[in-house]
PDB file of N, CA and C in Angstrom:
ATOM      1  N   MET A   1      49.590 -29.181  77.125  1.00  0.00           N
ATOM      2  CA  MET A   1      48.666 -28.693  76.051  1.00  0.00           C
ATOM      3  C   MET A   1      47.285 -28.236  76.628  1.00  0.00           C
ATOM      4  N   ASP A   2      46.910 -27.017  76.432  1.00  0.00           N
ATOM      5  CA  ASP A   2      45.718 -26.519  76.814  1.00  0.00           C
ATOM      6  C   ASP A   2      44.577 -26.958  76.147  1.00  0.00           C
ATOM      7  N   ILE A   3      43.407 -27.119  76.700  1.00  0.00           N
ATOM      8  CA  ILE A   3      42.034 -27.291  76.226  1.00  0.00           C
ATOM      9  C   ILE A   3      41.766 -26.318  75.016  1.00  0.00           C
ATOM     10  N   GLU A   4      41.487 -26.739  73.877  1.00  0.00           N
ATOM     11  CA  GLU A   4      41.175 -25.799  72.744  1.00  0.00           C
ATOM     12  C   GLU A   4      39.700 -25.866  72.294  1.00  0.00           C
ATOM     13  N   ILE A   5      39.005 -24.930  72.163  1.00  0.00           N
ATOM     14  CA  ILE A   5      37.673 -24.829  72.051  1.00  0.00           C
ATOM     15  C   ILE A   5      37.362 -23.673  70.748  1.00  0.00           C
ATOM     16  N   ARG A   6      36.812 -24.085  69.634  1.00  0.00           N
ATOM     17  CA  ARG A   6      36.634 -23.279  68.505  1.00  0.00           C
ATOM     18  C   ARG A   6      35.336 -23.657  67.887  1.00  0.00           C
ATOM     19  N   THR A   7      34.605 -22.793  67.462  1.00  0.00           N
ATOM     20  CA  THR A   7      33.375 -22.904  66.636  1.00  0.00           C
ATOM     21  C   THR A   7      33.696 -22.986  65.174  1.00  0.00           C
ATOM     22  N   ILE A   8      32.898 -23.622  64.276  1.00  0.00           N
ATOM     23  CA  ILE A   8      33.120 -23.709  62.816  1.00  0.00           C
ATOM     24  C   ILE A   8      33.192 -22.304  62.330  1.00  0.00           C
ATOM     25  N   ASP A   9      32.295 -21.323  62.749  1.00  0.00           N
ATOM     26  CA  ASP A   9      32.396 -19.902  62.449  1.00  0.00           C
ATOM     27  C   ASP A   9      33.508 -19.141  62.611  1.00  0.00           C
ATOM     28  N   GLU A  10      34.304 -19.756  63.783  1.00  0.00           N
ATOM     29  CA  GLU A  10      35.673 -18.909  64.106  1.00  0.00           C
ATOM     30  C   GLU A  10      36.911 -19.382  63.348  1.00  0.00           C
ATOM     31  N   ALA A  11      36.713 -20.882  62.860  1.00  0.00           N
ATOM     32  CA  ALA A  11      38.001 -21.350  62.339  1.00  0.00           C
ATOM     33  C   ALA A  11      38.109 -20.787  60.879  1.00  0.00           C
ATOM     34  N   GLU A  12      39.536 -20.518  60.627  1.00  0.00           N
ATOM     35  CA  GLU A  12      39.917 -19.866  59.323  1.00  0.00           C
ATOM     36  C   GLU A  12      39.757 -20.920  58.236  1.00  0.00           C
ATOM     37  N   GLY A  13      39.083 -20.556  57.140  1.00  0.00           N
ATOM     38  CA  GLY A  13      39.092 -21.372  56.115  1.00  0.00           C
ATOM     39  C   GLY A  13      39.996 -21.237  55.044  1.00  0.00           C
ATOM     40  N   LEU A  14      40.345 -22.362  54.246  1.00  0.00           N
ATOM     41  CA  LEU A  14      41.226 -22.356  53.287  1.00  0.00           C
ATOM     42  C   LEU A  14      40.467 -22.999  51.932  1.00  0.00           C
ATOM     43  N   GLN A  15      40.490 -22.467  50.835  1.00  0.00           N
ATOM     44  CA  GLN A  15      40.079 -23.080  49.496  1.00  0.00           C
ATOM     45  C   GLN A  15      41.101 -23.978  49.067  1.00  0.00           C
ATOM     46  N   THR A  16      40.709 -25.276  49.003  1.00  0.00           N
ATOM     47  CA  THR A  16      41.390 -26.465  48.591  1.00  0.00           C
ATOM     48  C   THR A  16      40.855 -26.984  47.411  1.00  0.00           C
ATOM     49  N   PRO A  17      41.573 -28.009  46.672  1.00  0.00           N
ATOM     50  CA  PRO A  17      41.016 -28.702  45.613  1.00  0.00           C
ATOM     51  C   PRO A  17      39.617 -29.534  46.001  1.00  0.00           C
ATOM     52  N   GLU A  18      39.568 -29.735  47.274  1.00  0.00           N
ATOM     53  CA  GLU A  18      38.579 -30.670  47.802  1.00  0.00           C
ATOM     54  C   GLU A  18      37.480 -29.609  48.268  1.00  0.00           C
ATOM     55  N   GLY A  19      37.492 -28.426  48.085  1.00  0.00           N
ATOM     56  CA  GLY A  19      36.507 -27.603  48.830  1.00  0.00           C
ATOM     57  C   GLY A  19      37.252 -26.542  49.945  1.00  0.00           C
ATOM     58  N   VAL A  20      36.226 -26.088  50.666  1.00  0.00           N
ATOM     59  CA  VAL A  20      36.910 -25.235  51.848  1.00  0.00           C
ATOM     60  C   VAL A  20      37.064 -25.994  53.145  1.00  0.00           C
ATOM     61  N   MET A  21      38.497 -25.890  53.519  1.00  0.00           N
ATOM     62  CA  MET A  21      38.764 -26.803  54.814  1.00  0.00           C
ATOM     63  C   MET A  21      39.034 -25.852  55.897  1.00  0.00           C
ATOM     64  N   LYS A  22      38.513 -26.050  56.890  1.00  0.00           N
ATOM     65  CA  LYS A  22      38.619 -25.267  58.160  1.00  0.00           C
ATOM     66  C   LYS A  22      39.335 -26.221  59.315  1.00  0.00           C
ATOM     67  N   SER A  23      40.574 -25.721  59.870  1.00  0.00           N
ATOM     68  CA  SER A  23      40.904 -26.562  60.967  1.00  0.00           C
ATOM     69  C   SER A  23      40.234 -26.169  62.378  1.00  0.00           C
ATOM     70  N   LEU A  24      39.409 -27.051  62.853  1.00  0.00           N
ATOM     71  CA  LEU A  24      38.792 -26.804  63.952  1.00  0.00           C
ATOM     72  C   LEU A  24      39.558 -26.908  65.231  1.00  0.00           C
ATOM     73  N   VAL A  25      40.160 -28.045  65.481  1.00  0.00           N
ATOM     74  CA  VAL A  25      41.083 -28.378  66.619  1.00  0.00           C
ATOM     75  C   VAL A  25      41.992 -29.367  66.146  1.00  0.00           C
ATOM     76  N   VAL A  26      43.266 -29.187  66.630  1.00  0.00           N
ATOM     77  CA  VAL A  26      44.420 -30.185  66.205  1.00  0.00           C
ATOM     78  C   VAL A  26      45.117 -30.325  67.374  1.00  0.00           C
ATOM     79  N   GLY A  27      45.233 -31.606  67.827  1.00  0.00           N
ATOM     80  CA  GLY A  27      46.297 -32.046  68.883  1.00  0.00           C
ATOM     81  C   GLY A  27      47.471 -32.658  68.484  1.00  0.00           C
ATOM     82  N   CYS A  28      48.026 -33.313  69.537  1.00  0.00           N
ATOM     83  CA  CYS A  28      49.362 -34.253  69.239  1.00  0.00           C
ATOM     84  C   CYS A  28      48.960 -35.234  68.309  1.00  0.00           C
ATOM     85  N   ASN A  29      47.855 -35.975  68.440  1.00  0.00           N
ATOM     86  CA  ASN A  29      47.576 -37.216  67.757  1.00  0.00           C
ATOM     87  C   ASN A  29      46.364 -37.286  67.037  1.00  0.00           C
ATOM     88  N   LEU A  30      45.499 -36.061  66.973  1.00  0.00           N
ATOM     89  CA  LEU A  30      44.194 -36.100  66.352  1.00  0.00           C
ATOM     90  C   LEU A  30      44.019 -34.773  65.759  1.00  0.00           C
ATOM     91  N   ALA A  31      43.329 -34.500  64.645  1.00  0.00           N
ATOM     92  CA  ALA A  31      42.864 -33.304  63.922  1.00  0.00           C
ATOM     93  C   ALA A  31      41.431 -33.624  63.559  1.00  0.00           C
ATOM     94  N   VAL A  32      40.499 -32.371  63.778  1.00  0.00           N
ATOM     95  CA  VAL A  32      39.332 -32.328  63.147  1.00  0.00           C
ATOM     96  C   VAL A  32      39.155 -31.091  62.367  1.00  0.00           C
ATOM     97  N   MET A  33      38.903 -31.315  61.083  1.00  0.00           N
ATOM     98  CA  MET A  33      38.633 -30.442  60.125  1.00  0.00           C
ATOM     99  C   MET A  33      37.310 -30.417  59.481  1.00  0.00           C
ATOM    100  N   HIS A  34      36.716 -29.206  59.279  1.00  0.00           N
ATOM    101  CA  HIS A  34      35.411 -29.120  58.636  1.00  0.00           C
ATOM    102  C   HIS A  34      35.594 -28.749  57.226  1.00  0.00           C
ATOM    103  N   LEU A  35      34.670 -29.509  56.355  1.00  0.00           N
ATOM    104  CA  LEU A  35      34.848 -29.309  55.029  1.00  0.00           C
ATOM    105  C   LEU A  35      33.647 -29.061  54.427  1.00  0.00           C
ATOM    106  N   VAL A  36      33.688 -27.859  53.475  1.00  0.00           N
ATOM    107  CA  VAL A  36      32.611 -27.468  52.640  1.00  0.00           C
ATOM    108  C   VAL A  36      32.865 -28.093  51.301  1.00  0.00           C
ATOM    109  N   ILE A  37      31.985 -29.344  50.853  1.00  0.00           N
ATOM    110  CA  ILE A  37      32.422 -29.756  49.503  1.00  0.00           C
ATOM    111  C   ILE A  37      31.484 -29.175  48.327  1.00  0.00           C
ATOM    112  N   PRO A  38      31.910 -28.308  47.418  1.00  0.00           N
ATOM    113  CA  PRO A  38      30.950 -27.885  46.462  1.00  0.00           C
ATOM    114  C   PRO A  38      30.256 -28.963  45.636  1.00  0.00           C
ATOM    115  N   ALA A  39      29.068 -28.305  45.104  1.00  0.00           N
ATOM    116  CA  ALA A  39      28.270 -29.114  44.262  1.00  0.00           C
ATOM    117  C   ALA A  39      29.108 -29.534  43.257  1.00  0.00           C
ATOM    118  N   GLY A  40      28.961 -30.785  42.717  1.00  0.00           N
ATOM    119  CA  GLY A  40      29.498 -31.295  41.452  1.00  0.00           C
ATOM    120  C   GLY A  40      30.999 -31.838  41.659  1.00  0.00           C
ATOM    121  N   LEU A  41      31.644 -31.455  42.858  1.00  0.00           N
ATOM    122  CA  LEU A  41      33.051 -31.838  43.064  1.00  0.00           C
ATOM    123  C   LEU A  41      33.341 -33.087  42.985  1.00  0.00           C
ATOM    124  N   GLU A  42      34.412 -33.675  42.206  1.00  0.00           N
ATOM    125  CA  GLU A  42      34.901 -34.881  42.320  1.00  0.00           C
ATOM    126  C   GLU A  42      36.365 -34.907  42.516  1.00  0.00           C
ATOM    127  N   VAL A  43      36.745 -35.719  43.529  1.00  0.00           N
ATOM    128  CA  VAL A  43      38.193 -35.728  43.835  1.00  0.00           C
ATOM    129  C   VAL A  43      38.693 -37.353  43.738  1.00  0.00           C
ATOM    130  N   PRO A  44      39.626 -37.664  42.833  1.00  0.00           N
ATOM    131  CA  PRO A  44      40.097 -39.064  42.768  1.00  0.00           C
ATOM    132  C   PRO A  44      40.685 -39.485  44.001  1.00  0.00           C
ATOM    133  N   PRO A  45      40.824 -40.876  44.138  1.00  0.00           N
ATOM    134  CA  PRO A  45      41.354 -41.331  45.453  1.00  0.00           C
ATOM    135  C   PRO A  45      42.754 -41.167  45.512  1.00  0.00           C
ATOM    136  N   PRO A  46      43.191 -40.388  46.742  1.00  0.00           N
ATOM    137  CA  PRO A  46      44.633 -40.457  47.145  1.00  0.00           C
ATOM    138  C   PRO A  46      44.744 -41.450  48.373  1.00  0.00           C
ATOM    139  N   ALA A  47      45.822 -41.875  48.630  1.00  0.00           N
ATOM    140  CA  ALA A  47      46.105 -42.588  49.694  1.00  0.00           C
ATOM    141  C   ALA A  47      46.360 -41.729  51.016  1.00  0.00           C
ATOM    142  N   HIS A  48      45.764 -42.094  52.157  1.00  0.00           N
ATOM    143  CA  HIS A  48      45.944 -41.347  53.311  1.00  0.00           C
ATOM    144  C   HIS A  48      46.820 -42.173  54.411  1.00  0.00           C
ATOM    145  N   PRO A  49      47.881 -41.500  54.884  1.00  0.00           N
ATOM    146  CA  PRO A  49      48.819 -42.152  55.598  1.00  0.00           C
ATOM    147  C   PRO A  49      48.381 -42.821  57.077  1.00  0.00           C
ATOM    148  N   GLY A  50      47.222 -41.794  57.546  1.00  0.00           N
ATOM    149  CA  GLY A  50      46.840 -42.087  58.878  1.00  0.00           C
ATOM    150  C   GLY A  50      45.350 -42.645  58.884  1.00  0.00           C
ATOM    151  N   GLU A  51      44.813 -43.080  60.043  1.00  0.00           N
ATOM    152  CA  GLU A  51      43.406 -43.459  60.219  1.00  0.00           C
ATOM    153  C   GLU A  51      42.503 -42.290  60.151  1.00  0.00           C
ATOM    154  N   GLY A  52      41.329 -42.405  59.674  1.00  0.00           N
ATOM    155  CA  GLY A  52      40.408 -41.141  59.752  1.00  0.00           C
ATOM    156  C   GLY A  52      38.830 -41.483  59.883  1.00  0.00           C
ATOM    157  N   VAL A  53      38.211 -40.720  60.048  1.00  0.00           N
ATOM    158  CA  VAL A  53      36.647 -40.883  60.184  1.00  0.00           C
ATOM    159  C   VAL A  53      36.152 -39.626  59.294  1.00  0.00           C
ATOM    160  N   LEU A  54      35.354 -39.869  58.382  1.00  0.00           N
ATOM    161  CA  LEU A  54      34.512 -38.943  57.659  1.00  0.00           C
ATOM    162  C   LEU A  54      33.122 -38.902  58.146  1.00  0.00           C
ATOM    163  N   TYR A  55      32.666 -37.801  58.591  1.00  0.00           N
ATOM    164  CA  TYR A  55      31.391 -37.593  59.157  1.00  0.00           C
ATOM    165  C   TYR A  55      30.622 -36.706  58.335  1.00  0.00           C
ATOM    166  N   CYS A  56      29.531 -37.128  57.780  1.00  0.00           N
ATOM    167  CA  CYS A  56      28.557 -36.304  56.958  1.00  0.00           C
ATOM    168  C   CYS A  56      27.534 -35.385  58.051  1.00  0.00           C
ATOM    169  N   LEU A  57      27.925 -34.103  57.723  1.00  0.00           N
ATOM    170  CA  LEU A  57      26.956 -33.332  58.736  1.00  0.00           C
ATOM    171  C   LEU A  57      25.613 -33.058  57.920  1.00  0.00           C
ATOM    172  N   SER A  58      25.884 -32.794  56.650  1.00  0.00           N
ATOM    173  CA  SER A  58      24.518 -32.402  55.672  1.00  0.00           C
ATOM    174  C   SER A  58      24.748 -32.733  54.210  1.00  0.00           C
ATOM    175  N   GLY A  59      23.687 -33.201  53.500  1.00  0.00           N
ATOM    176  CA  GLY A  59      23.710 -33.675  52.222  1.00  0.00           C
ATOM    177  C   GLY A  59      24.194 -34.992  51.979  1.00  0.00           C
ATOM    178  N   GLU A  60      24.619 -35.319  50.884  1.00  0.00           N
ATOM    179  CA  GLU A  60      25.006 -36.860  50.359  1.00  0.00           C
ATOM    180  C   GLU A  60      26.318 -36.760  49.731  1.00  0.00           C
ATOM    181  N   LEU A  61      27.178 -37.747  50.104  1.00  0.00           N
ATOM    182  CA  LEU A  61      28.456 -37.834  49.489  1.00  0.00           C
ATOM    183  C   LEU A  61      28.754 -39.045  49.156  1.00  0.00           C
ATOM    184  N   ASP A  62      29.204 -39.266  47.761  1.00  0.00           N
ATOM    185  CA  ASP A  62      29.805 -40.537  47.389  1.00  0.00           C
ATOM    186  C   ASP A  62      31.176 -40.679  47.688  1.00  0.00           C
ATOM    187  N   VAL A  63      31.478 -41.930  48.460  1.00  0.00           N
ATOM    188  CA  VAL A  63      32.892 -41.979  48.538  1.00  0.00           C
ATOM    189  C   VAL A  63      33.298 -43.267  47.871  1.00  0.00           C
ATOM    190  N   VAL A  64      34.485 -43.262  47.208  1.00  0.00           N
ATOM    191  CA  VAL A  64      35.137 -44.242  46.181  1.00  0.00           C
ATOM    192  C   VAL A  64      36.239 -44.783  46.864  1.00  0.00           C
ATOM    193  N   SER A  65      36.315 -46.183  46.893  1.00  0.00           N
ATOM    194  CA  SER A  65      37.452 -46.770  47.493  1.00  0.00           C
ATOM    195  C   SER A  65      37.514 -48.119  47.013  1.00  0.00           C
ATOM    196  N   GLY A  66      38.761 -48.544  46.400  1.00  0.00           N
ATOM    197  CA  GLY A  66      38.848 -49.828  45.889  1.00  0.00           C
ATOM    198  C   GLY A  66      37.807 -50.103  44.783  1.00  0.00           C
ATOM    199  N   GLY A  67      37.554 -49.421  43.934  1.00  0.00           N
ATOM    200  CA  GLY A  67      36.554 -49.692  42.936  1.00  0.00           C
ATOM    201  C   GLY A  67      35.140 -49.762  43.300  1.00  0.00           C
ATOM    202  N   LYS A  68      34.764 -49.556  44.701  1.00  0.00           N
ATOM    203  CA  LYS A  68      33.520 -49.469  45.081  1.00  0.00           C
ATOM    204  C   LYS A  68      33.153 -48.004  45.513  1.00  0.00           C
ATOM    205  N   THR A  69      31.781 -47.877  45.268  1.00  0.00           N
ATOM    206  CA  THR A  69      31.265 -46.529  45.943  1.00  0.00           C
ATOM    207  C   THR A  69      30.155 -46.793  46.718  1.00  0.00           C
ATOM    208  N   VAL A  70      30.235 -46.002  47.949  1.00  0.00           N
ATOM    209  CA  VAL A  70      29.119 -45.950  48.845  1.00  0.00           C
ATOM    210  C   VAL A  70      28.649 -44.519  49.116  1.00  0.00           C
ATOM    211  N   THR A  71      27.432 -44.323  49.399  1.00  0.00           N
ATOM    212  CA  THR A  71      26.909 -43.021  49.823  1.00  0.00           C
ATOM    213  C   THR A  71      26.754 -42.789  51.188  1.00  0.00           C
ATOM    214  N   ILE A  72      27.314 -41.814  51.677  1.00  0.00           N
ATOM    215  CA  ILE A  72      26.948 -41.512  53.189  1.00  0.00           C
ATOM    216  C   ILE A  72      26.087 -40.219  53.238  1.00  0.00           C
ATOM    217  N   SER A  73      25.303 -40.130  54.223  1.00  0.00           N
ATOM    218  CA  SER A  73      24.478 -38.853  54.157  1.00  0.00           C
ATOM    219  C   SER A  73      24.450 -38.382  55.638  1.00  0.00           C
ATOM    220  N   SER A  74      23.828 -37.409  55.724  1.00  0.00           N
ATOM    221  CA  SER A  74      23.718 -36.680  57.040  1.00  0.00           C
ATOM    222  C   SER A  74      23.754 -37.533  58.250  1.00  0.00           C
ATOM    223  N   GLY A  75      24.511 -37.397  59.261  1.00  0.00           N
ATOM    224  CA  GLY A  75      24.523 -38.147  60.409  1.00  0.00           C
ATOM    225  C   GLY A  75      25.216 -39.507  60.211  1.00  0.00           C
ATOM    226  N   THR A  76      25.881 -39.807  59.099  1.00  0.00           N
ATOM    227  CA  THR A  76      26.715 -40.924  58.982  1.00  0.00           C
ATOM    228  C   THR A  76      28.114 -40.765  59.103  1.00  0.00           C
ATOM    229  N   ALA A  77      28.711 -41.601  59.808  1.00  0.00           N
ATOM    230  CA  ALA A  77      30.313 -41.752  59.943  1.00  0.00           C
ATOM    231  C   ALA A  77      30.789 -42.897  59.360  1.00  0.00           C
ATOM    232  N   MET A  78      31.989 -42.666  58.560  1.00  0.00           N
ATOM    233  CA  MET A  78      32.878 -43.864  57.946  1.00  0.00           C
ATOM    234  C   MET A  78      34.250 -43.791  58.334  1.00  0.00           C
ATOM    235  N   LEU A  79      34.570 -44.987  58.801  1.00  0.00           N
ATOM    236  CA  LEU A  79      36.091 -45.137  59.179  1.00  0.00           C
ATOM    237  C   LEU A  79      36.751 -45.371  58.003  1.00  0.00           C
ATOM    238  N   VAL A  80      38.002 -44.669  57.736  1.00  0.00           N
ATOM    239  CA  VAL A  80      39.143 -44.968  56.693  1.00  0.00           C
ATOM    240  C   VAL A  80      40.254 -45.396  57.379  1.00  0.00           C
ATOM    241  N   PRO A  81      40.535 -46.640  57.074  1.00  0.00           N
ATOM    242  CA  PRO A  81      41.737 -47.392  57.712  1.00  0.00           C
ATOM    243  C   PRO A  81      42.859 -46.522  57.193  1.00  0.00           C
ATOM    244  N   SER A  82      44.169 -46.763  57.832  1.00  0.00           N
ATOM    245  CA  SER A  82      45.541 -46.111  57.456  1.00  0.00           C
ATOM    246  C   SER A  82      45.775 -46.709  55.962  1.00  0.00           C
ATOM    247  N   GLY A  83      46.364 -45.925  55.322  1.00  0.00           N
ATOM    248  CA  GLY A  83      46.811 -46.311  53.937  1.00  0.00           C
ATOM    249  C   GLY A  83      45.736 -46.642  52.899  1.00  0.00           C
ATOM    250  N   THR A  84      44.533 -46.381  53.139  1.00  0.00           N
ATOM    251  CA  THR A  84      43.313 -46.633  52.239  1.00  0.00           C
ATOM    252  C   THR A  84      43.152 -45.480  51.214  1.00  0.00           C
ATOM    253  N   GLU A  85      43.031 -45.868  49.980  1.00  0.00           N
ATOM    254  CA  GLU A  85      42.654 -44.694  49.000  1.00  0.00           C
ATOM    255  C   GLU A  85      41.243 -44.371  48.916  1.00  0.00           C
ATOM    256  N   VAL A  86      40.977 -43.200  48.996  1.00  0.00           N
ATOM    257  CA  VAL A  86      39.603 -42.823  49.110  1.00  0.00           C
ATOM    258  C   VAL A  86      39.350 -41.582  48.296  1.00  0.00           C
ATOM    259  N   GLY A  87      38.333 -41.508  47.367  1.00  0.00           N
ATOM    260  CA  GLY A  87      38.020 -40.368  46.659  1.00  0.00           C
ATOM    261  C   GLY A  87      36.593 -39.978  46.987  1.00  0.00           C
ATOM    262  N   ILE A  88      36.140 -38.669  46.675  1.00  0.00           N
ATOM    263  CA  ILE A  88      34.705 -38.322  46.971  1.00  0.00           C
ATOM    264  C   ILE A  88      34.111 -37.634  45.633  1.00  0.00           C
ATOM    265  N   LYS A  89      32.881 -37.655  45.731  1.00  0.00           N
ATOM    266  CA  LYS A  89      31.985 -37.034  44.748  1.00  0.00           C
ATOM    267  C   LYS A  89      30.738 -36.603  45.414  1.00  0.00           C
ATOM    268  N   ASN A  90      30.417 -35.214  45.044  1.00  0.00           N
ATOM    269  CA  ASN A  90      29.275 -34.626  45.563  1.00  0.00           C
ATOM    270  C   ASN A  90      28.425 -34.510  44.131  1.00  0.00           C
ATOM    271  N   ARG A  91      27.404 -35.448  44.104  1.00  0.00           N
ATOM    272  CA  ARG A  91      26.490 -35.211  42.853  1.00  0.00           C
ATOM    273  C   ARG A  91      25.402 -34.352  43.176  1.00  0.00           C
ATOM    274  N   GLN A  92      25.307 -33.612  44.263  1.00  0.00           N
ATOM    275  CA  GLN A  92      24.122 -32.845  44.534  1.00  0.00           C
ATOM    276  C   GLN A  92      24.187 -31.400  43.954  1.00  0.00           C
ATOM    277  N   ASP A  93      23.139 -30.690  43.937  1.00  0.00           N
ATOM    278  CA  ASP A  93      23.134 -29.294  43.544  1.00  0.00           C
ATOM    279  C   ASP A  93      23.575 -28.315  44.615  1.00  0.00           C
ATOM    280  N   ALA A  94      23.878 -28.843  45.760  1.00  0.00           N
ATOM    281  CA  ALA A  94      24.104 -27.903  46.848  1.00  0.00           C
ATOM    282  C   ALA A  94      25.461 -28.495  47.579  1.00  0.00           C
ATOM    283  N   ALA A  95      26.252 -27.562  48.192  1.00  0.00           N
ATOM    284  CA  ALA A  95      27.451 -28.208  48.926  1.00  0.00           C
ATOM    285  C   ALA A  95      27.063 -29.148  50.112  1.00  0.00           C
ATOM    286  N   VAL A  96      28.038 -29.880  50.391  1.00  0.00           N
ATOM    287  CA  VAL A  96      28.048 -30.987  51.402  1.00  0.00           C
ATOM    288  C   VAL A  96      28.929 -30.507  52.596  1.00  0.00           C
ATOM    289  N   ASN A  97      28.456 -30.579  53.909  1.00  0.00           N
ATOM    290  CA  ASN A  97      29.210 -30.257  55.030  1.00  0.00           C
ATOM    291  C   ASN A  97      29.585 -31.645  55.578  1.00  0.00           C
ATOM    292  N   ALA A  98      30.954 -31.652  56.005  1.00  0.00           N
ATOM    293  CA  ALA A  98      31.446 -32.823  56.700  1.00  0.00           C
ATOM    294  C   ALA A  98      32.619 -32.634  57.510  1.00  0.00           C
ATOM    295  N   LEU A  99      32.754 -33.615  58.426  1.00  0.00           N
ATOM    296  CA  LEU A  99      33.982 -33.458  59.452  1.00  0.00           C
ATOM    297  C   LEU A  99      35.023 -34.560  58.942  1.00  0.00           C
ATOM    298  N   LEU A 100      36.175 -34.268  58.920  1.00  0.00           N
ATOM    299  CA  LEU A 100      37.166 -35.157  58.539  1.00  0.00           C
ATOM    300  C   LEU A 100      38.066 -35.174  60.040  1.00  0.00           C
ATOM    301  N   ILE A 101      38.072 -36.306  60.474  1.00  0.00           N
ATOM    302  CA  ILE A 101      38.729 -36.479  61.855  1.00  0.00           C
ATOM    303  C   ILE A 101      40.026 -37.458  61.598  1.00  0.00           C
ATOM    304  N   SER A 102      41.288 -37.068  61.595  1.00  0.00           N
ATOM    305  CA  SER A 102      42.406 -37.877  61.355  1.00  0.00           C
ATOM    306  C   SER A 102      43.455 -37.884  62.511  1.00  0.00           C
ATOM    307  N   SER A 103      43.955 -39.101  62.387  1.00  0.00           N
ATOM    308  CA  SER A 103      44.973 -39.550  63.484  1.00  0.00           C
ATOM    309  C   SER A 103      46.078 -40.203  62.882  1.00  0.00           C
ATOM    310  N   PRO A 104      47.321 -39.852  62.813  1.00  0.00           N
ATOM    311  CA  PRO A 104      47.772 -38.650  63.291  1.00  0.00           C
ATOM    312  C   PRO A 104      47.282 -37.456  62.365  1.00  0.00           C
ATOM    313  N   PRO A 105      47.642 -36.214  62.930  1.00  0.00           N
ATOM    314  CA  PRO A 105      47.177 -35.131  62.035  1.00  0.00           C
ATOM    315  C   PRO A 105      47.857 -34.985  60.882  1.00  0.00           C
ATOM    316  N   ALA A 106      47.622 -34.985  59.594  1.00  0.00           N
ATOM    317  CA  ALA A 106      48.149 -34.608  58.419  1.00  0.00           C
ATOM    318  C   ALA A 106      48.964 -33.218  58.372  1.00  0.00           C
ATOM    319  N   VAL A 107      48.128 -32.345  58.965  1.00  0.00           N
ATOM    320  CA  VAL A 107      48.690 -30.863  59.181  1.00  0.00           C
ATOM    321  C   VAL A 107      48.244 -30.475  60.539  1.00  0.00           C
ATOM    322  N   ARG A 108      48.893 -29.332  60.916  1.00  0.00           N
ATOM    323  CA  ARG A 108      48.889 -28.911  62.340  1.00  0.00           C
ATOM    324  C   ARG A 108      48.228 -27.504  62.368  1.00  0.00           C
ATOM    325  N   SER A 109      48.184 -26.879  61.099  1.00  0.00           N
ATOM    326  CA  SER A 109      47.631 -25.405  60.873  1.00  0.00           C
ATOM    327  C   SER A 109      47.233 -25.187  59.569  1.00  0.00           C
ATOM    328  N   VAL A 110      46.621 -24.060  59.240  1.00  0.00           N
ATOM    329  CA  VAL A 110      46.147 -23.542  58.036  1.00  0.00           C
ATOM    330  C   VAL A 110      47.396 -23.338  57.258  1.00  0.00           C
ATOM    331  N   GLU A 111      48.564 -22.958  57.781  1.00  0.00           N
ATOM    332  CA  GLU A 111      49.876 -22.577  57.110  1.00  0.00           C
ATOM    333  C   GLU A 111      50.441 -23.936  56.599  1.00  0.00           C
ATOM    334  N   GLU A 112      50.483 -24.837  57.480  1.00  0.00           N
ATOM    335  CA  GLU A 112      50.891 -26.191  56.968  1.00  0.00           C
ATOM    336  C   GLU A 112      50.202 -26.797  55.744  1.00  0.00           C
ATOM    337  N   LEU A 113      48.813 -26.581  55.938  1.00  0.00           N
ATOM    338  CA  LEU A 113      47.849 -27.068  54.770  1.00  0.00           C
ATOM    339  C   LEU A 113      48.323 -26.178  53.507  1.00  0.00           C
ATOM    340  N   GLU A 114      48.447 -24.908  53.605  1.00  0.00           N
ATOM    341  CA  GLU A 114      48.770 -24.161  52.327  1.00  0.00           C
ATOM    342  C   GLU A 114      50.077 -24.723  51.803  1.00  0.00           C
ATOM    343  N   LYS A 115      51.015 -24.950  52.618  1.00  0.00           N
ATOM    344  CA  LYS A 115      52.269 -25.614  51.968  1.00  0.00           C
ATOM    345  C   LYS A 115      52.180 -26.918  51.496  1.00  0.00           C
ATOM    346  N   LEU A 116      51.240 -27.776  52.035  1.00  0.00           N
ATOM    347  CA  LEU A 116      51.050 -28.878  51.550  1.00  0.00           C
ATOM    348  C   LEU A 116      50.500 -28.918  50.028  1.00  0.00           C
ATOM    349  N   ILE A 117      49.425 -28.049  49.962  1.00  0.00           N
ATOM    350  CA  ILE A 117      48.651 -27.904  48.743  1.00  0.00           C
ATOM    351  C   ILE A 117      49.558 -27.373  47.802  1.00  0.00           C
ATOM    352  N   ALA A 118      50.483 -26.500  48.074  1.00  0.00           N
ATOM    353  CA  ALA A 118      51.444 -25.776  47.088  1.00  0.00           C
ATOM    354  C   ALA A 118      52.398 -26.667  46.486  1.00  0.00           C
ATOM    355  N   ARG A 119      52.790 -27.753  47.424  1.00  0.00           N
ATOM    356  CA  ARG A 119      53.752 -28.755  46.981  1.00  0.00           C
ATOM    357  C   ARG A 119      53.027 -29.473  45.913  1.00  0.00           C
ATOM    358  N   HIS A 120      51.662 -29.941  46.162  1.00  0.00           N
ATOM    359  CA  HIS A 120      51.046 -30.866  45.155  1.00  0.00           C
ATOM    360  C   HIS A 120      50.795 -30.184  43.944  1.00  0.00           C
ATOM    361  N   LYS A 121      50.678 -28.849  43.902  1.00  0.00           N
ATOM    362  CA  LYS A 121      50.388 -28.119  42.621  1.00  0.00           C
ATOM    363  C   LYS A 121      51.621 -28.068  41.753  1.00  0.00           C
ATOM    364  N   GLY A 122      52.784 -27.791  42.353  1.00  0.00           N
ATOM    365  CA  GLY A 122      53.931 -27.676  41.849  1.00  0.00           C
ATOM    366  C   GLY A 122      54.932 -28.680  41.248  1.00  0.00           C
TER     367      GLY A 122
END
């Protein structure tokens, strides 16, 4: 596998129910996605099969898990253990920027992400 370098501006974005997702880098065991979470967005907790880290780049984001809500803000990272149900709420008037780092990767490309979203809609 070659070293992969990509900026947020270079990455292709996809509009999802959770906001705009950009696949920054994807390896065999790890994926890094950039998220732009719109103002007022609320996503109920789904279970995530792999381990992940949610890192808030800007703004504040409520994270809901196990009936508890914690708020993470710019510069804060949160570990999400494998199989944990996690939802998000953006109570701000502006979008929140975050990185989602997952292992193993749930998807390996924008095309795979599009197919995954289509399956959940239909």
